[in-house]
Amino acid sequence: MPTPQKMKIATIVGARPQFIKAAMLSRELKQVANLQEVIIHTGQHYDANMSDVFFTELGLQTPAYNLGIHKATHGAMTGEMLIEIEKVLLVEQPDLVVVYGDTDSTLAGALAAAKLHIPVAHIEAGLRSFNRAMPEEINRVVTDHVSDLLFAPTPTAIKNLQDENCPESAILLSGDIMFDAAIQACSQVDESALLETYGIEPKAYTLVTLHRAENTDTNQRLLTWLEALNEAGKKEPLILPLHPRTKQRMSDLRKSIADFSNIRFIDPVGYETMAILTKNARLVATDSGGLQKEAYFHRVPSLILRKETEWVELIDTKWSQLIDCDREVFLQAFDNFNAPTTWQEDLFGNGQTASFIARTLVQHLG
């Protein structure tokens, strides 16, 4: 009987949310005989608290390649990644490349593979904010249009792909792989001990993240948000894991954490810790695409610190409210925004997305 042909998948990651998603899928791929996964880390998130801790905590295998590409403009970083990823793909000769989300690493990985005629699978396909001023929106659209398998997390994402005339045969409704991760994360941590470490009580604090370029790279927007958050922090504990980009921008403005004494700044934390902090918060205020959604997973209302969101389901279900950098509107919502009485359990799938994607990839490889 002939031996089954060995298959090789190259997984390209570079940013914190991608490590989490890749860990979920890698666990499934490890169960497949004659399949090798090669992980390529672009280095986009290089801080130990933004990168190393995730590989350790989630059990994700150490990357075979770490390209160390960061600290550059979008164009320069994407271009350098494209060059270096292509070199790796030429050496490894994978049968398929997997990319996640909407970062510069996503775009560079998809383009490098497509130009080498290697099939591309895009996980989290079809998301659209319809704001082309966002670098992430450009990354999403281009990646979808060079990919061979489009794993869309929601029916809305499916419709977006259909509206752009992506091939029907490439589009699959997969559910959201982050839902898999959220279910698993909260089963592995002592919640009360963790909250005690931070000196907070369940449902008596707000969790905040602020890191997107649209909020941090404009002086007035960044200051407006920090001042509004500082005012809100007078009313209840306000926990903000400080992203390296935001920290640098504050330094550029000659501002320190001492200038915003009502915000409890902490270092970036691992995924399991973040999941517990999210689950137990009264409210989440964030400009992160991932965290606004994870708040929903844990039935926590969120204020989205942006003009638009690619996760329109959160607005439709009234679990989230968009707020575009307005101090008074934010403070009003901070005091009065409450969760609805209904929660749709299958809005983002059934928690088995990674398993579905792994089966589909193997079938595609034959």
Protein backbone atom coordinates (compact mmCIF):
# COMPACT_ATOMS: atom_id res chain seq x y z
CA MET A 1 0.00 0.00 0.00
CA PRO A 2 1.51 3.40 -0.94
CA THR A 3 2.59 5.69 1.90
CA PRO A 4 0.45 8.86 2.10
CA GLN A 5 2.29 11.87 0.73
CA LYS A 6 3.70 14.18 3.39
CA MET A 7 2.07 17.61 3.43
CA LYS A 8 3.58 20.87 4.62
CA ILE A 9 1.75 24.00 5.76
CA ALA A 10 3.52 27.30 6.43
CA THR A 11 1.79 29.44 9.05
CA ILE A 12 2.70 33.14 9.01
CA VAL A 13 2.16 35.19 12.16
CA GLY A 14 3.46 38.46 13.50
CA ALA A 15 1.05 40.00 16.00
CA ARG A 16 -0.43 38.99 19.32
CA PRO A 17 -3.94 37.99 18.14
CA GLN A 18 -2.43 35.80 15.42
CA PHE A 19 -0.44 33.77 17.96
CA ILE A 20 -3.68 32.91 19.75
CA LYS A 21 -5.49 31.91 16.57
CA ALA A 22 -2.52 29.92 15.31
CA ALA A 23 -2.28 28.03 18.61
CA MET A 24 -5.88 26.85 18.24
CA LEU A 25 -5.33 25.58 14.70
CA SER A 26 -1.88 24.11 15.38
CA ARG A 27 -3.34 21.82 18.04
CA GLU A 28 -5.68 20.39 15.44
CA LEU A 29 -3.02 20.10 12.74
CA LYS A 30 -0.77 18.13 15.10
CA GLN A 31 -3.38 15.37 15.04
CA VAL A 32 -3.02 14.91 11.27
CA ALA A 33 -0.62 12.20 10.17
CA ASN A 34 1.97 13.10 7.53
CA LEU A 35 1.43 16.83 8.02
CA GLN A 36 4.22 19.22 8.99
CA GLU A 37 3.53 22.79 10.06
CA VAL A 38 6.29 25.39 9.77
CA ILE A 39 5.67 28.60 11.73
CA ILE A 40 7.17 31.83 10.40
CA HIS A 41 7.13 34.77 12.85
CA THR A 42 7.73 38.10 11.11
CA GLY A 43 8.65 39.81 14.38
CA GLN A 44 5.98 42.51 14.02
CA HIS A 45 5.22 42.18 17.75
CA TYR A 46 8.64 41.76 19.28
CA ASP A 47 8.19 42.76 22.93
CA ALA A 48 8.39 39.71 25.22
CA ASN A 49 5.03 40.58 26.78
CA MET A 50 3.45 40.89 23.34
CA SER A 51 5.07 37.82 21.80
CA ASP A 52 7.12 35.31 23.80
CA VAL A 53 4.56 34.86 26.57
CA PHE A 54 1.95 33.74 24.05
CA PHE A 55 4.07 30.96 22.62
CA THR A 56 4.81 29.74 26.16
CA GLU A 57 1.31 30.11 27.58
CA LEU A 58 -0.59 28.71 24.62
CA GLY A 59 1.79 25.86 23.86
CA LEU A 60 2.41 27.14 20.35
CA GLN A 61 5.55 25.58 18.91
CA THR A 62 8.62 27.81 18.70
CA PRO A 63 8.72 29.45 15.26
CA ALA A 64 11.10 27.83 12.82
CA TYR A 65 11.87 31.36 11.61
CA ASN A 66 11.78 34.71 13.40
CA LEU A 67 12.41 37.45 10.85
CA GLY A 68 12.74 40.25 13.41
CA ILE A 69 11.01 42.88 11.23
CA HIS A 70 9.46 45.78 13.15
CA LYS A 71 9.83 49.49 13.92
CA ALA A 72 9.16 50.80 10.43
CA THR A 73 6.43 52.48 8.39
CA HIS A 74 3.70 50.25 6.99
CA GLY A 75 5.16 50.28 3.50
CA ALA A 76 8.73 49.64 4.58
CA MET A 77 7.76 46.89 6.99
CA THR A 78 5.46 45.16 4.49
CA GLY A 79 8.14 45.35 1.80
CA GLU A 80 10.86 43.90 4.02
CA MET A 81 8.52 41.14 5.18
CA LEU A 82 7.64 40.30 1.58
CA ILE A 83 11.32 39.87 0.70
CA GLU A 84 12.18 37.76 3.72
CA ILE A 85 9.04 35.59 3.67
CA GLU A 86 9.65 34.80 0.00
CA LYS A 87 13.16 33.56 0.87
CA VAL A 88 11.74 31.21 3.50
CA LEU A 89 8.99 29.90 1.23
CA LEU A 90 11.52 29.14 -1.49
CA VAL A 91 13.50 27.07 1.00
CA GLU A 92 10.56 25.32 2.66
CA GLN A 93 8.39 24.76 -0.43
CA PRO A 94 5.10 24.42 1.51
CA ASP A 95 1.96 23.03 -0.09
CA LEU A 96 -0.14 25.80 1.43
CA VAL A 97 0.29 29.03 3.40
CA VAL A 98 -2.03 30.09 6.22
CA VAL A 99 -2.41 33.75 7.21
CA TYR A 100 -4.60 35.35 9.86
CA GLY A 101 -6.45 38.63 10.23
CA ASP A 102 -5.39 41.98 8.82
CA THR A 103 -1.85 42.96 9.81
CA ASP A 104 1.11 43.85 7.60
CA SER A 105 2.35 40.30 8.28
CA THR A 106 -0.92 38.97 6.82
CA LEU A 107 -0.60 40.96 3.63
CA ALA A 108 3.09 40.23 3.13
CA GLY A 109 2.61 36.52 3.70
CA ALA A 110 -0.33 36.29 1.31
CA LEU A 111 1.44 38.24 -1.44
CA ALA A 112 4.68 36.28 -1.11
CA ALA A 113 2.82 32.98 -1.38
CA ALA A 114 0.55 34.08 -4.22
CA LYS A 115 3.48 35.29 -6.32
CA LEU A 116 5.10 31.87 -5.86
CA HIS A 117 1.82 30.16 -6.84
CA ILE A 118 1.41 28.61 -3.40
CA PRO A 119 -2.24 28.33 -2.29
CA VAL A 120 -3.23 30.76 0.47
CA ALA A 121 -5.80 30.19 3.22
CA HIS A 122 -7.03 33.38 4.92
CA ILE A 123 -8.53 32.87 8.36
CA GLU A 124 -10.86 35.71 9.37
CA ALA A 125 -11.70 36.59 5.78
CA GLY A 126 -14.41 38.98 4.66
CA LEU A 127 -14.25 41.53 7.47
CA ARG A 128 -14.77 45.10 6.30
CA SER A 129 -14.84 48.47 8.05
CA PHE A 130 -15.26 50.20 4.64
CA ASN A 131 -12.68 52.76 5.72
CA ARG A 132 -9.75 52.65 3.30
CA ALA A 133 -7.84 55.12 5.48
CA MET A 134 -7.16 52.19 7.82
CA PRO A 135 -4.06 50.17 6.87
CA GLU A 136 -5.86 47.08 8.17
CA GLU A 137 -8.68 47.53 5.66
CA ILE A 138 -6.23 47.55 2.75
CA ASN A 139 -4.57 44.44 4.16
CA ARG A 140 -7.91 42.62 4.49
CA VAL A 141 -9.16 43.39 1.01
CA VAL A 142 -5.95 42.55 -0.83
CA THR A 143 -5.38 39.37 1.17
CA ASP A 144 -8.88 38.12 0.42
CA HIS A 145 -8.43 38.68 -3.30
CA VAL A 146 -5.21 36.67 -3.54
CA SER A 147 -6.37 33.81 -1.31
CA ASP A 148 -7.64 30.40 -2.42
CA LEU A 149 -9.55 29.54 0.76
CA LEU A 150 -11.54 32.22 2.56
CA PHE A 151 -12.60 31.22 6.09
CA ALA A 152 -15.28 33.75 6.99
CA PRO A 153 -16.29 33.96 10.67
CA THR A 154 -19.84 35.29 10.17
CA PRO A 155 -22.60 35.48 7.54
CA THR A 156 -21.87 39.21 7.22
CA ALA A 157 -18.30 38.39 6.21
CA ILE A 158 -19.65 35.89 3.66
CA LYS A 159 -21.83 38.59 2.12
CA ASN A 160 -18.90 41.03 1.91
CA LEU A 161 -16.87 38.46 -0.04
CA GLN A 162 -19.79 37.71 -2.35
CA ASP A 163 -20.35 41.43 -2.97
CA GLU A 164 -16.71 41.69 -4.08
CA ASN A 165 -17.19 38.75 -6.47
CA CYS A 166 -14.78 36.42 -4.70
CA PRO A 167 -15.19 32.86 -6.05
CA GLU A 168 -18.05 31.08 -4.32
CA SER A 169 -15.99 27.88 -4.22
CA ALA A 170 -13.37 29.64 -2.08
CA ILE A 171 -15.77 31.01 0.55
CA LEU A 172 -16.50 28.98 3.68
CA LEU A 173 -18.45 29.90 6.81
CA SER A 174 -16.14 28.70 9.56
CA GLY A 175 -17.16 30.54 12.71
CA ASP A 176 -14.63 32.53 14.71
CA ILE A 177 -11.48 30.75 15.84
CA MET A 178 -11.14 33.22 18.72
CA PHE A 179 -14.35 31.82 20.19
CA ASP A 180 -12.52 28.49 20.51
CA ALA A 181 -9.71 30.25 22.37
CA ALA A 182 -12.03 32.17 24.71
CA ILE A 183 -13.85 29.01 25.78
CA GLN A 184 -10.58 27.26 26.55
CA ALA A 185 -8.74 30.14 28.25
CA CYS A 186 -11.15 30.67 31.11
CA SER A 187 -11.07 27.00 32.09
CA GLN A 188 -7.37 27.09 32.97
CA VAL A 189 -6.96 30.05 35.35
CA ASP A 190 -7.85 30.65 39.02
CA GLU A 191 -10.05 33.69 38.48
CA SER A 192 -10.35 34.85 42.09
CA ALA A 193 -6.59 34.65 42.68
CA LEU A 194 -5.88 36.64 39.53
CA LEU A 195 -8.36 39.38 40.41
CA GLU A 196 -6.92 39.54 43.90
CA THR A 197 -3.48 40.08 42.38
CA TYR A 198 -4.78 43.21 40.65
CA GLY A 199 -6.85 44.31 43.64
CA ILE A 200 -10.16 44.35 41.77
CA GLU A 201 -13.64 42.88 42.30
CA PRO A 202 -15.74 41.11 39.66
CA LYS A 203 -18.00 43.47 37.68
CA ALA A 204 -16.60 46.51 39.51
CA TYR A 205 -13.98 47.75 37.03
CA THR A 206 -13.53 48.71 33.39
CA LEU A 207 -10.93 47.09 31.12
CA VAL A 208 -9.42 49.37 28.47
CA THR A 209 -7.08 48.98 25.51
CA LEU A 210 -5.91 51.82 23.28
CA HIS A 211 -3.37 51.14 20.57
CA ARG A 212 -4.65 51.67 17.01
CA ALA A 213 -2.71 54.12 14.87
CA GLU A 214 -5.86 56.17 14.22
CA ASN A 215 -6.05 56.89 17.97
CA THR A 216 -2.39 57.04 18.98
CA ASP A 217 -0.69 58.74 16.05
CA THR A 218 -2.76 61.93 16.21
CA ASN A 219 -1.76 64.01 19.23
CA GLN A 220 -5.17 65.48 19.94
CA ARG A 221 -7.02 62.16 19.65
CA LEU A 222 -4.61 60.41 21.99
CA LEU A 223 -4.80 63.19 24.57
CA THR A 224 -8.59 63.38 24.33
CA TRP A 225 -8.92 59.65 24.96
CA LEU A 226 -6.46 59.62 27.84
CA GLU A 227 -8.13 62.61 29.50
CA ALA A 228 -11.59 61.06 29.10
CA LEU A 229 -10.39 57.74 30.49
CA ASN A 230 -8.68 59.50 33.38
CA GLU A 231 -11.96 61.25 34.23
CA ALA A 232 -13.83 57.95 34.08
CA GLY A 233 -11.22 56.39 36.34
CA LYS A 234 -12.44 58.58 39.20
CA LYS A 235 -15.63 56.52 39.31
CA GLU A 236 -14.31 52.95 39.36
CA PRO A 237 -10.99 51.14 38.78
CA LEU A 238 -9.91 51.41 35.16
CA ILE A 239 -7.31 48.83 34.03
CA LEU A 240 -5.28 49.58 30.88
CA PRO A 241 -2.57 47.16 29.65
CA LEU A 242 -0.19 49.63 27.99
CA HIS A 243 0.70 48.76 24.40
CA PRO A 244 4.30 49.64 23.37
CA ARG A 245 3.02 51.94 20.61
CA THR A 246 0.84 53.92 23.02
CA LYS A 247 3.64 54.11 25.56
CA GLN A 248 6.01 55.51 22.93
CA ARG A 249 3.47 58.04 21.70
CA MET A 250 2.87 59.25 25.26
CA SER A 251 6.61 59.67 25.65
CA ASP A 252 6.77 61.62 22.38
CA LEU A 253 4.16 63.98 23.84
CA ARG A 254 6.18 64.26 27.07
CA LYS A 255 3.39 62.56 28.96
CA SER A 256 3.85 59.81 31.53
CA ILE A 257 1.50 57.46 33.32
CA ALA A 258 1.76 59.79 36.35
CA ASP A 259 -0.09 62.44 34.33
CA PHE A 260 -3.16 60.17 34.26
CA SER A 261 -3.29 59.00 37.86
CA ASN A 262 -6.85 57.61 37.68
CA ILE A 263 -5.89 55.07 35.01
CA ARG A 264 -4.28 51.92 36.36
CA PHE A 265 -1.67 51.18 33.69
CA ILE A 266 -0.27 47.63 33.66
CA ASP A 267 2.19 45.85 31.38
CA PRO A 268 0.73 43.83 28.48
CA VAL A 269 -0.52 40.47 29.76
CA GLY A 270 -0.87 36.96 28.38
CA TYR A 271 -4.01 35.74 26.69
CA GLU A 272 -5.39 33.74 29.62
CA THR A 273 -4.95 36.69 31.99
CA MET A 274 -6.59 39.02 29.47
CA ALA A 275 -9.50 36.61 29.06
CA ILE A 276 -10.15 36.60 32.82
CA LEU A 277 -9.86 40.39 33.03
CA THR A 278 -12.36 40.65 30.17
CA LYS A 279 -14.82 38.12 31.56
CA ASN A 280 -14.99 39.81 34.97
CA ALA A 281 -15.15 43.45 33.81
CA ARG A 282 -18.29 45.52 34.15
CA LEU A 283 -17.43 47.19 30.86
CA VAL A 284 -14.77 47.02 28.15
CA ALA A 285 -13.59 50.14 26.31
CA THR A 286 -11.33 49.33 23.38
CA ASP A 287 -10.17 50.13 19.87
CA SER A 288 -9.10 46.50 19.37
CA GLY A 289 -11.05 44.46 16.86
CA GLY A 290 -10.36 41.33 18.85
CA LEU A 291 -11.20 42.57 22.33
CA GLN A 292 -14.57 44.09 21.41
CA LYS A 293 -15.54 40.65 20.14
CA GLU A 294 -14.11 38.78 23.12
CA ALA A 295 -16.13 41.01 25.40
CA TYR A 296 -19.19 39.65 23.62
CA PHE A 297 -17.97 36.06 24.06
CA HIS A 298 -17.96 36.73 27.82
CA ARG A 299 -21.26 38.66 27.78
CA VAL A 300 -19.63 41.97 28.69
CA PRO A 301 -20.80 45.20 26.97
CA SER A 302 -18.18 47.25 25.18
CA LEU A 303 -17.56 50.79 24.03
CA ILE A 304 -15.66 50.74 20.73
CA LEU A 305 -13.31 53.72 20.57
CA ARG A 306 -13.56 54.10 16.79
CA LYS A 307 -15.76 55.53 14.05
CA GLU A 308 -16.56 52.12 12.62
CA THR A 309 -16.10 48.42 13.28
CA GLU A 310 -15.61 45.41 11.07
CA TRP A 311 -17.64 43.39 13.61
CA VAL A 312 -20.99 44.96 12.76
CA GLU A 313 -22.84 42.15 14.54
CA LEU A 314 -21.83 43.70 17.86
CA ILE A 315 -23.60 46.94 16.98
CA ASP A 316 -26.63 45.14 15.56
CA THR A 317 -27.08 43.15 18.79
CA LYS A 318 -26.59 46.35 20.85
CA TRP A 319 -23.81 44.79 22.91
CA SER A 320 -21.39 47.48 21.69
CA GLN A 321 -21.53 51.21 21.00
CA LEU A 322 -19.25 53.14 18.64
CA ILE A 323 -17.74 56.34 20.05
CA ASP A 324 -15.54 58.58 17.91
CA CYS A 325 -13.16 60.42 20.24
CA ASP A 326 -15.67 62.61 22.06
CA ARG A 327 -15.02 63.11 25.76
CA GLU A 328 -18.61 63.89 26.78
CA VAL A 329 -20.19 61.14 24.68
CA PHE A 330 -17.71 58.65 26.12
CA LEU A 331 -18.36 59.68 29.72
CA GLN A 332 -22.11 59.53 29.20
CA ALA A 333 -21.84 56.01 27.74
CA PHE A 334 -19.40 54.97 30.48
CA ASP A 335 -22.03 55.76 33.09
CA ASN A 336 -25.12 54.51 31.29
CA PHE A 337 -24.34 51.82 28.70
CA ASN A 338 -25.74 48.44 29.78
CA ALA A 339 -25.87 44.98 28.28
CA PRO A 340 -29.06 43.85 26.51
CA THR A 341 -31.15 41.07 28.02
CA THR A 342 -30.51 38.69 25.09
CA TRP A 343 -27.28 37.04 23.96
CA GLN A 344 -26.98 35.02 20.75
CA GLU A 345 -24.86 31.97 21.54
CA ASP A 346 -24.01 30.95 17.97
CA LEU A 347 -23.31 34.43 16.58
CA PHE A 348 -19.63 33.55 16.08
CA GLY A 349 -19.88 29.81 15.58
CA ASN A 350 -19.95 26.83 17.91
CA GLY A 351 -16.43 26.83 19.37
CA GLN A 352 -15.24 24.15 16.92
CA THR A 353 -13.82 26.46 14.26
CA ALA A 354 -10.23 25.21 14.45
CA SER A 355 -11.33 21.63 13.91
CA PHE A 356 -13.41 22.63 10.86
CA ILE A 357 -10.55 24.63 9.34
CA ALA A 358 -8.02 21.82 9.88
CA ARG A 359 -10.29 19.28 8.16
CA THR A 360 -10.88 21.65 5.26
CA LEU A 361 -7.16 22.34 4.78
CA VAL A 362 -6.37 18.63 4.69
CA GLN A 363 -9.15 17.99 2.19
CA HIS A 364 -7.87 20.83 0.02
CA LEU A 365 -4.38 19.34 0.05
CA GLY A 366 -5.81 16.01 -1.01
